[in-house]
Every structure is written in C-alpha cells, then in structure tokens.
Amino acid sequence: MEPKQKFIPKWIAWEVTEKCNLQCIHCRASSDLSAPTGDFTTREAFKLLDDIASYCKPVLVLSGGEPLLRSDIFEIAKHGTELGLKMAMATNGVLVTDKRVAKMKESGIRICSLSLDGSTSEIHDNFRRQKGAFNAVIRAAECFRRNNMQFLINSSFTRRNQHDIENVYKLAKNLGAKAWYMFMIVPTGRGEDILSELITKEDYEDILKWHYRAEQKEDELLMRPTCAPHYYRITLQEAKKEKKKYERRNLTFSTGGNKGCIAAQSICFIDCFGNVNPCSYFPITAGNVKKIPFKEIWENSQLFNDLRSFDKYKGKCGECEYISVCGGCRARARAIYGDYMAEEPFCSYVPLASKTGKKKQV
C-alpha cells in the first residue's frame, strides 16, 4: 500500500443541501425541491469547517443540490475563508444575480462552477428537465463576467448529447469560462435510470482522443475531462506517438496532477448529513463527520485505504501498466459490477500483461 502521507485532501465537495430547483436526468442525488436540506445548522457547519481546517487547507466547494437555496450560505463561505480554506461554489446558475455575486465576493468565494450540457436551449433544457435552464446559465456567465468573478463550466454527456460536445466546448470558451470540465456520466442516483444512454467504450475512447487534440491546441481555456481516468493513459499514448512529453497547465482550484481516479486520494465528498464518501458519485460512506473527526476518516477508514491499494485492483485494472496514472473509475466499477475494486467497465484498452503475461509500470 502507498504511504498514507502521500494522500492529502486537496479538494473537498460539501453538499450543503440536497434540495435543488432542477431535476436533471443524471443527478447523483435524485435532487429536486422536495429533497432534504440536510441537518447541518449554521453552527454545525462552522464546526465542520473548523475540523477540516485543523487538518488541511483544501479547496472547499460548496455544492448541492443548489447551494444558493441555503439562506446562510454566505456566512458559511465567510467562515471557511477566515480559516484559510479556498472557498468555491458549484451552482446551476438559476439563482445567480449581481447581488448574490457581490455577496460571494464579500464572503471570499473565489471561483464558481456552472453546469452546461448543451450548446442550445433545446439540448441543455432536455438534459436538465427544466425549460429556461439554458438561458439561466448564459445569464449567470454574463453576471460572473460583469462582476469579475472567475467561473468554470462543467458539462456532462450521454448518448443524447454527445454529438454536441465540441459545440459546448466552443460555447464555454466564448462565455469567458476559466476552465471547461467534460464529465463522463457515472450512473448513480437518477443516472441509474439512463444506463442505456451511457456512451459506449468505443465512442468514449474517440471522445478522449478528440479532447487530447483540442487541449494541445488550446492556449486560453483550461480543459480537463472528469470521471474519465483513462484519459491519462491516452495522453501518454498520443504524446508518445508524437514523440513529445505530455504537459498541461494547472488551475489553482482544480484537483491537479496527471492522475485519473483520485477518489479518496486527493478528493472526497461530504453529504448534507455528514457522511464522507470517496467522491460525489460513490454512494458508500467511510464515516460521518458528526461522529468521527475528518482526519480520522480520511486516514484510517477501510474504504479509503482500499482505494489507495492499487495492487489489490482486479481484472484489467489490476494487470494494467497504466494503473498508477489511470486507476479506472472506482465509482463506475461499483455501479456496474457492484465491486469498487473491479476493472473500469468502460475501458477498451487491453493491458500488455494480458498479451505477454508480464506486468509493466509506466
């Protein structure tokens, strides 16, 4: 097993409420306006931030649901900022206004993310199951830009909108986003209802190769595929073909590094009841911060340490020479096979060990 000290929390997403004003087809929490707010009072929220900050100073993303539905969200953000945490917010954009952006800046929130899943209202609104959702994102981006608030755009894709990937990338750039993150759906929550819409292995590979080519040409917009760990195998393979070293720029508010699945390695997710999961799409709990200190959960939970034990990965992932840069999506393995240590189900690569019987590390 890798030394524990190597695994430091660099990015934590905290679901401050599960309640949401949209009903997106892929929502990991099946959120809507009837979903629970959670049970963190303002005082308990402060206590959680105190606990985290006493151990590490990661990027802390106030997420949801829709975080702007919490009336005390800016108090929480301000407290985190005062503790030295790098505060960020993930919003769907519907509730973003000049007044709220001013409060974000006053509370120390330094960057926000918006979700954009189509280059037109027809595509995006279908994905988000809410008419007007696309226009809300456009308005929010304009509002952020007008108020000098940095923002990035997250885009999720299935078969219903994969044809629009390049157009969404171009729109994100035109809107003035600092970064664009292409999410490959992990079927959890409402996403389990659209298993038939998951992008095929073959298309997955082609899309990631397209992303590599686009990233190599891009000099303005930071790009990073998410929940697509085999991208880091592809970058090495493609760079080798071109006889060059793959290099990428980094973003302060990103998880950083050239590693695929980093669940429980440099990131984690805390839900609105205090349960700590490896990532947002991994509905298995390592412990609850209302009962156990965050540091103890991060360092000692069996679940987190399993995910750090690369030599115990199964199937193709266990044989693969790219295990240290990819690792396969552990949440997707759990969702498809019921075993988070199983091989990545949407990878078409055949490891050299499967051909030669000898495992090699890249």
Protein backbone atom coordinates (compact mmCIF):
# COMPACT_ATOMS: atom_id res chain seq x y z
CA MET A 1 0.00 0.00 0.00
CA GLU A 2 1.16 3.55 -0.75
CA PRO A 3 2.39 5.54 2.29
CA LYS A 4 -0.51 7.33 3.99
CA GLN A 5 1.30 10.66 4.00
CA LYS A 6 1.11 10.81 0.22
CA PHE A 7 -2.65 11.10 0.32
CA ILE A 8 -3.58 14.64 1.30
CA PRO A 9 -7.04 16.18 0.78
CA LYS A 10 -6.66 18.86 -1.87
CA TRP A 11 -10.30 19.24 -2.91
CA ILE A 12 -13.47 18.57 -0.91
CA ALA A 13 -17.01 18.95 -2.21
CA TRP A 14 -19.58 19.55 0.52
CA GLU A 15 -23.26 19.09 -0.27
CA VAL A 16 -24.62 21.89 1.91
CA THR A 17 -28.16 20.93 0.86
CA GLU A 18 -29.67 18.21 -1.28
CA LYS A 19 -32.57 20.47 -2.24
CA CYS A 20 -32.46 21.67 -5.86
CA ASN A 21 -34.58 23.74 -8.22
CA LEU A 22 -33.86 21.43 -11.20
CA GLN A 23 -34.45 17.70 -11.83
CA CYS A 24 -31.56 16.72 -14.09
CA ILE A 25 -31.65 13.31 -15.75
CA HIS A 26 -28.24 12.28 -14.42
CA CYS A 27 -28.40 13.71 -10.88
CA ARG A 28 -26.33 11.59 -8.50
CA ALA A 29 -28.66 12.50 -5.61
CA SER A 30 -32.00 12.49 -7.46
CA SER A 31 -32.43 16.04 -6.16
CA ASP A 32 -35.45 18.33 -6.51
CA LEU A 33 -37.22 20.89 -4.32
CA SER A 34 -38.66 18.15 -2.12
CA ALA A 35 -35.19 16.76 -1.30
CA PRO A 36 -33.84 17.18 2.25
CA THR A 37 -31.99 20.33 3.26
CA GLY A 38 -29.75 18.22 5.48
CA ASP A 39 -29.19 18.56 9.18
CA PHE A 40 -26.25 20.95 9.49
CA THR A 41 -27.18 24.07 11.41
CA THR A 42 -25.03 27.13 10.78
CA ARG A 43 -23.12 26.44 13.99
CA GLU A 44 -22.56 22.79 12.98
CA ALA A 45 -21.43 23.91 9.53
CA PHE A 46 -18.82 26.16 11.16
CA LYS A 47 -17.70 23.25 13.34
CA LEU A 48 -17.19 21.04 10.28
CA LEU A 49 -15.07 23.71 8.60
CA ASP A 50 -13.06 24.12 11.80
CA ASP A 51 -12.45 20.36 11.86
CA ILE A 52 -11.27 20.25 8.24
CA ALA A 53 -9.09 23.36 8.53
CA SER A 54 -7.33 21.98 11.62
CA TYR A 55 -6.05 19.15 9.42
CA CYS A 56 -5.63 20.58 5.92
CA LYS A 57 -6.37 23.61 3.75
CA PRO A 58 -8.03 22.22 0.60
CA VAL A 59 -10.29 23.79 -1.96
CA LEU A 60 -13.73 23.55 -0.34
CA VAL A 61 -16.57 23.52 -2.87
CA LEU A 62 -19.99 24.46 -1.53
CA SER A 63 -22.18 22.17 -3.56
CA GLY A 64 -25.65 20.69 -3.64
CA GLY A 65 -28.37 20.31 -4.74
CA GLU A 66 -28.29 24.04 -5.25
CA PRO A 67 -26.19 25.76 -2.53
CA LEU A 68 -27.81 29.15 -3.12
CA LEU A 69 -31.01 27.71 -1.63
CA ARG A 70 -29.35 27.88 1.83
CA SER A 71 -30.02 31.22 3.48
CA ASP A 72 -26.78 31.06 5.48
CA ILE A 73 -24.53 30.05 2.58
CA PHE A 74 -22.50 33.27 2.60
CA GLU A 75 -21.94 33.07 6.36
CA ILE A 76 -20.60 29.55 5.85
CA ALA A 77 -18.37 30.69 2.99
CA LYS A 78 -17.00 33.60 5.02
CA HIS A 79 -16.16 31.33 7.94
CA GLY A 80 -14.28 28.97 5.63
CA THR A 81 -12.36 31.86 4.11
CA GLU A 82 -11.35 33.13 7.56
CA LEU A 83 -9.98 29.65 8.33
CA GLY A 84 -7.75 29.74 5.26
CA LEU A 85 -9.79 27.36 3.11
CA LYS A 86 -10.01 28.09 -0.62
CA MET A 87 -13.74 28.56 -0.99
CA ALA A 88 -15.61 27.80 -4.22
CA MET A 89 -19.22 27.19 -5.20
CA ALA A 90 -21.00 24.89 -7.65
CA THR A 91 -24.30 26.30 -8.90
CA ASN A 92 -26.70 25.59 -11.76
CA GLY A 93 -26.92 29.34 -12.38
CA VAL A 94 -30.67 29.82 -11.97
CA LEU A 95 -30.36 31.92 -8.79
CA VAL A 96 -27.24 33.88 -9.75
CA THR A 97 -27.74 37.67 -9.62
CA ASP A 98 -25.47 40.70 -9.31
CA LYS A 99 -26.44 41.00 -5.64
CA ARG A 100 -25.60 37.36 -4.91
CA VAL A 101 -22.29 37.57 -6.78
CA ALA A 102 -21.37 40.60 -4.65
CA LYS A 103 -22.09 38.51 -1.55
CA MET A 104 -19.99 35.66 -2.93
CA LYS A 105 -17.03 38.00 -3.33
CA GLU A 106 -17.55 39.54 0.11
CA SER A 107 -17.57 36.07 1.69
CA GLY A 108 -14.34 35.08 -0.03
CA ILE A 109 -15.67 32.71 -2.70
CA ARG A 110 -13.03 32.93 -5.39
CA ILE A 111 -14.44 30.82 -8.20
CA CYS A 112 -17.77 29.24 -9.17
CA SER A 113 -18.76 26.43 -11.47
CA LEU A 114 -21.75 26.37 -13.80
CA SER A 115 -23.28 23.31 -15.44
CA LEU A 116 -23.78 23.49 -19.20
CA ASP A 117 -24.81 20.31 -21.01
CA GLY A 118 -25.76 21.62 -24.43
CA SER A 119 -24.93 24.44 -26.81
CA THR A 120 -28.63 25.23 -27.31
CA SER A 121 -31.64 25.54 -25.03
CA GLU A 122 -33.23 22.53 -26.72
CA ILE A 123 -30.35 20.21 -25.77
CA HIS A 124 -29.49 21.65 -22.35
CA ASP A 125 -33.08 22.05 -21.12
CA ASN A 126 -33.86 18.49 -22.16
CA PHE A 127 -30.91 17.27 -20.10
CA ARG A 128 -31.82 19.44 -17.12
CA ARG A 129 -35.56 18.80 -17.42
CA GLN A 130 -36.36 22.47 -16.95
CA LYS A 131 -37.34 24.98 -19.60
CA GLY A 132 -35.24 28.14 -19.27
CA ALA A 133 -32.28 26.36 -17.63
CA PHE A 134 -30.01 27.12 -20.61
CA ASN A 135 -30.85 30.82 -20.58
CA ALA A 136 -30.17 30.85 -16.82
CA VAL A 137 -26.64 29.53 -17.38
CA ILE A 138 -25.96 32.14 -20.06
CA ARG A 139 -27.24 34.91 -17.77
CA ALA A 140 -25.16 33.60 -14.87
CA ALA A 141 -21.99 33.51 -17.01
CA GLU A 142 -22.63 37.09 -18.12
CA CYS A 143 -23.25 38.10 -14.50
CA PHE A 144 -19.99 36.49 -13.33
CA ARG A 145 -18.07 38.14 -16.14
CA ARG A 146 -19.65 41.53 -15.43
CA ASN A 147 -18.67 41.27 -11.77
CA ASN A 148 -15.16 39.87 -12.33
CA MET A 149 -15.94 36.53 -10.69
CA GLN A 150 -13.94 33.67 -12.17
CA PHE A 151 -16.00 30.69 -13.25
CA LEU A 152 -15.55 27.32 -14.87
CA ILE A 153 -18.05 25.20 -16.76
CA ASN A 154 -18.87 21.55 -16.10
CA SER A 155 -20.54 19.61 -18.91
CA SER A 156 -22.00 16.12 -18.58
CA PHE A 157 -22.52 13.83 -21.55
CA THR A 158 -24.51 10.75 -22.50
CA ARG A 159 -25.56 9.46 -25.89
CA ARG A 160 -28.36 12.03 -26.04
CA ASN A 161 -25.92 14.96 -26.17
CA GLN A 162 -22.50 13.52 -27.11
CA HIS A 163 -22.93 14.87 -30.65
CA ASP A 164 -22.80 18.36 -29.13
CA ILE A 165 -19.50 18.04 -27.22
CA GLU A 166 -17.40 20.23 -29.50
CA ASN A 167 -20.10 22.90 -29.68
CA VAL A 168 -20.38 23.01 -25.86
CA TYR A 169 -16.60 23.38 -25.60
CA LYS A 170 -16.68 26.32 -28.01
CA LEU A 171 -19.58 27.95 -26.16
CA ALA A 172 -17.82 27.58 -22.79
CA LYS A 173 -14.84 29.37 -24.26
CA ASN A 174 -16.96 32.13 -25.80
CA LEU A 175 -18.73 32.69 -22.48
CA GLY A 176 -15.40 33.52 -20.85
CA ALA A 177 -15.02 30.47 -18.63
CA LYS A 178 -11.64 29.96 -16.96
CA ALA A 179 -11.87 26.19 -17.49
CA TRP A 180 -14.09 23.56 -19.10
CA TYR A 181 -14.51 20.14 -17.49
CA MET A 182 -16.03 17.39 -19.62
CA PHE A 183 -17.82 14.89 -17.37
CA MET A 184 -18.42 11.32 -18.47
CA ILE A 185 -21.53 10.16 -16.61
CA VAL A 186 -21.25 7.78 -13.67
CA PRO A 187 -24.62 6.02 -13.20
CA THR A 188 -25.64 6.85 -9.64
CA GLY A 189 -28.86 8.35 -8.32
CA ARG A 190 -31.12 9.33 -11.21
CA GLY A 191 -28.27 8.34 -13.52
CA GLU A 192 -29.09 4.68 -12.84
CA ASP A 193 -32.27 5.18 -14.87
CA ILE A 194 -30.31 6.04 -18.02
CA LEU A 195 -27.86 3.14 -18.17
CA SER A 196 -28.84 2.59 -21.80
CA GLU A 197 -27.67 6.14 -22.55
CA LEU A 198 -24.11 5.71 -21.33
CA ILE A 199 -21.53 6.44 -24.01
CA THR A 200 -20.03 3.26 -25.50
CA LYS A 201 -16.46 2.16 -24.82
CA GLU A 202 -15.52 2.84 -28.42
CA ASP A 203 -17.02 6.33 -28.51
CA TYR A 204 -15.53 7.02 -25.09
CA GLU A 205 -12.03 6.36 -26.45
CA ASP A 206 -12.62 8.52 -29.54
CA ILE A 207 -14.01 11.40 -27.46
CA LEU A 208 -10.99 11.37 -25.15
CA LYS A 209 -8.64 11.39 -28.14
CA TRP A 210 -10.56 14.38 -29.51
CA HIS A 211 -10.17 16.09 -26.11
CA TYR A 212 -6.41 15.46 -26.17
CA ARG A 213 -6.07 17.08 -29.60
CA ALA A 214 -8.21 20.05 -28.55
CA GLU A 215 -6.28 20.52 -25.32
CA GLN A 216 -2.95 20.52 -27.13
CA LYS A 217 -4.12 23.39 -29.35
CA GLU A 218 -5.85 25.34 -26.61
CA ASP A 219 -3.95 28.31 -25.13
CA GLU A 220 -6.77 30.16 -23.36
CA LEU A 221 -9.23 27.72 -21.81
CA LEU A 222 -8.05 25.15 -19.27
CA MET A 223 -9.51 21.73 -20.11
CA ARG A 224 -9.89 18.60 -18.03
CA PRO A 225 -12.06 15.51 -18.54
CA THR A 226 -13.66 14.31 -15.31
CA CYS A 227 -14.72 10.77 -14.39
CA ALA A 228 -12.63 9.72 -17.38
CA PRO A 229 -9.47 8.31 -15.79
CA HIS A 230 -8.27 6.53 -18.90
CA TYR A 231 -7.65 9.96 -20.41
CA TYR A 232 -4.29 9.86 -18.65
CA ARG A 233 -3.37 6.66 -20.46
CA ILE A 234 -4.45 8.22 -23.74
CA THR A 235 -2.39 11.37 -23.21
CA LEU A 236 0.74 9.28 -22.69
CA GLN A 237 -0.01 7.08 -25.68
CA GLU A 238 -0.77 10.00 -28.00
CA ALA A 239 2.22 12.04 -26.81
CA LYS A 240 4.47 9.03 -27.39
CA LYS A 241 3.19 8.75 -30.97
CA GLU A 242 4.04 12.42 -31.45
CA LYS A 243 7.44 11.89 -29.79
CA LYS A 244 6.88 14.55 -27.16
CA LYS A 245 6.17 14.84 -23.44
CA TYR A 246 2.59 15.49 -22.37
CA GLU A 247 2.30 18.67 -20.32
CA ARG A 248 -0.70 20.53 -19.05
CA ARG A 249 -1.37 23.78 -17.31
CA ASN A 250 -2.91 23.68 -13.85
CA LEU A 251 -5.70 25.60 -12.18
CA THR A 252 -5.45 26.62 -8.53
CA PHE A 253 -8.98 25.40 -7.83
CA SER A 254 -8.52 22.08 -9.59
CA THR A 255 -7.61 18.72 -8.12
CA GLY A 256 -4.37 18.97 -10.11
CA GLY A 257 -1.92 16.34 -11.21
CA ASN A 258 -1.90 13.85 -14.06
CA LYS A 259 -3.81 11.07 -12.34
CA GLY A 260 -7.16 9.58 -13.32
CA CYS A 261 -9.38 8.41 -10.48
CA ILE A 262 -8.37 10.34 -7.37
CA ALA A 263 -11.33 9.43 -5.16
CA ALA A 264 -10.09 9.12 -1.56
CA GLN A 265 -6.58 10.00 -2.76
CA SER A 266 -6.78 13.78 -3.05
CA ILE A 267 -10.54 14.40 -3.11
CA CYS A 268 -13.67 13.38 -1.23
CA PHE A 269 -17.32 14.30 -0.85
CA ILE A 270 -19.34 15.13 2.27
CA ASP A 271 -23.12 14.88 2.01
CA CYS A 272 -25.69 17.06 3.75
CA PHE A 273 -25.90 14.62 6.67
CA GLY A 274 -22.13 14.48 7.27
CA ASN A 275 -21.34 11.20 5.52
CA VAL A 276 -17.89 11.18 3.90
CA ASN A 277 -17.71 9.39 0.54
CA PRO A 278 -14.72 8.91 -1.81
CA CYS A 279 -16.32 11.18 -4.42
CA SER A 280 -19.69 12.64 -5.40
CA TYR A 281 -20.64 9.55 -7.44
CA PHE A 282 -19.63 6.93 -4.87
CA PRO A 283 -22.56 6.30 -2.50
CA ILE A 284 -20.64 4.30 0.09
CA THR A 285 -19.72 6.01 3.34
CA ALA A 286 -16.34 5.90 5.07
CA GLY A 287 -17.65 7.57 8.22
CA ASN A 288 -19.69 10.52 9.48
CA VAL A 289 -18.03 13.80 10.50
CA LYS A 290 -20.64 14.36 13.20
CA LYS A 291 -19.34 11.26 14.95
CA ILE A 292 -15.73 10.90 13.81
CA PRO A 293 -13.11 13.64 13.15
CA PHE A 294 -12.48 14.22 9.45
CA LYS A 295 -8.77 13.41 9.79
CA GLU A 296 -9.54 10.00 11.28
CA ILE A 297 -11.96 9.16 8.47
CA TRP A 298 -9.50 10.31 5.80
CA GLU A 299 -6.50 8.46 7.19
CA ASN A 300 -7.99 5.32 8.74
CA SER A 301 -11.20 4.26 7.00
CA GLN A 302 -11.07 0.83 5.39
CA LEU A 303 -12.86 2.12 2.29
CA PHE A 304 -10.40 4.93 1.64
CA ASN A 305 -7.41 2.69 2.23
CA ASP A 306 -8.83 0.07 -0.13
CA LEU A 307 -8.96 2.65 -2.90
CA ARG A 308 -5.31 3.56 -2.24
CA SER A 309 -4.19 -0.07 -2.55
CA PHE A 310 -3.54 -0.20 -6.29
CA ASP A 311 -2.03 -3.68 -6.04
CA LYS A 312 -5.44 -5.01 -4.98
CA TYR A 313 -7.34 -3.75 -8.04
CA LYS A 314 -8.98 -6.53 -10.01
CA GLY A 315 -9.42 -7.54 -13.65
CA LYS A 316 -7.78 -5.49 -16.37
CA CYS A 317 -7.08 -2.63 -13.98
CA GLY A 318 -5.05 -4.94 -11.74
CA GLU A 319 -2.96 -6.05 -14.72
CA CYS A 320 -2.62 -2.69 -16.44
CA GLU A 321 0.71 -0.91 -16.80
CA TYR A 322 -1.16 2.41 -16.57
CA ILE A 323 -2.61 1.67 -13.12
CA SER A 324 -0.66 4.50 -11.45
CA VAL A 325 -1.84 7.17 -13.90
CA CYS A 326 -5.36 5.90 -14.58
CA GLY A 327 -6.71 3.55 -11.93
CA GLY A 328 -10.09 3.21 -13.63
CA CYS A 329 -13.22 4.87 -12.25
CA ARG A 330 -13.89 3.18 -8.91
CA ALA A 331 -17.42 4.62 -8.73
CA ARG A 332 -18.29 3.28 -12.18
CA ALA A 333 -16.89 -0.15 -11.28
CA ARG A 334 -19.11 -0.17 -8.19
CA ALA A 335 -22.17 0.95 -10.16
CA ILE A 336 -21.79 -1.61 -12.96
CA TYR A 337 -20.22 -4.61 -11.18
CA GLY A 338 -21.14 -3.97 -7.55
CA ASP A 339 -17.42 -4.07 -6.67
CA TYR A 340 -15.41 -0.85 -6.38
CA MET A 341 -12.16 -2.78 -6.80
CA ALA A 342 -13.26 -4.29 -10.13
CA GLU A 343 -11.95 -3.16 -13.51
CA GLU A 344 -13.15 0.02 -15.21
CA PRO A 345 -16.19 -1.19 -17.20
CA PHE A 346 -15.92 1.44 -19.94
CA CYS A 347 -12.30 0.99 -20.95
CA SER A 348 -11.45 -0.80 -24.18
CA TYR A 349 -7.68 -0.97 -23.62
CA VAL A 350 -6.04 -4.40 -23.35
CA PRO A 351 -3.07 -4.30 -20.92
CA LEU A 352 0.29 -5.61 -22.10
CA ALA A 353 0.19 -8.17 -19.29
CA SER A 354 -2.88 -9.73 -20.91
CA LYS A 355 -0.82 -10.26 -24.06
CA THR A 356 2.61 -11.08 -22.63
CA GLY A 357 1.89 -12.24 -19.10
CA LYS A 358 4.31 -9.63 -17.74
CA LYS A 359 3.14 -6.52 -15.92
CA LYS A 360 4.95 -3.28 -16.60
CA GLN A 361 4.59 0.09 -14.89
CA VAL A 362 4.51 3.28 -16.95
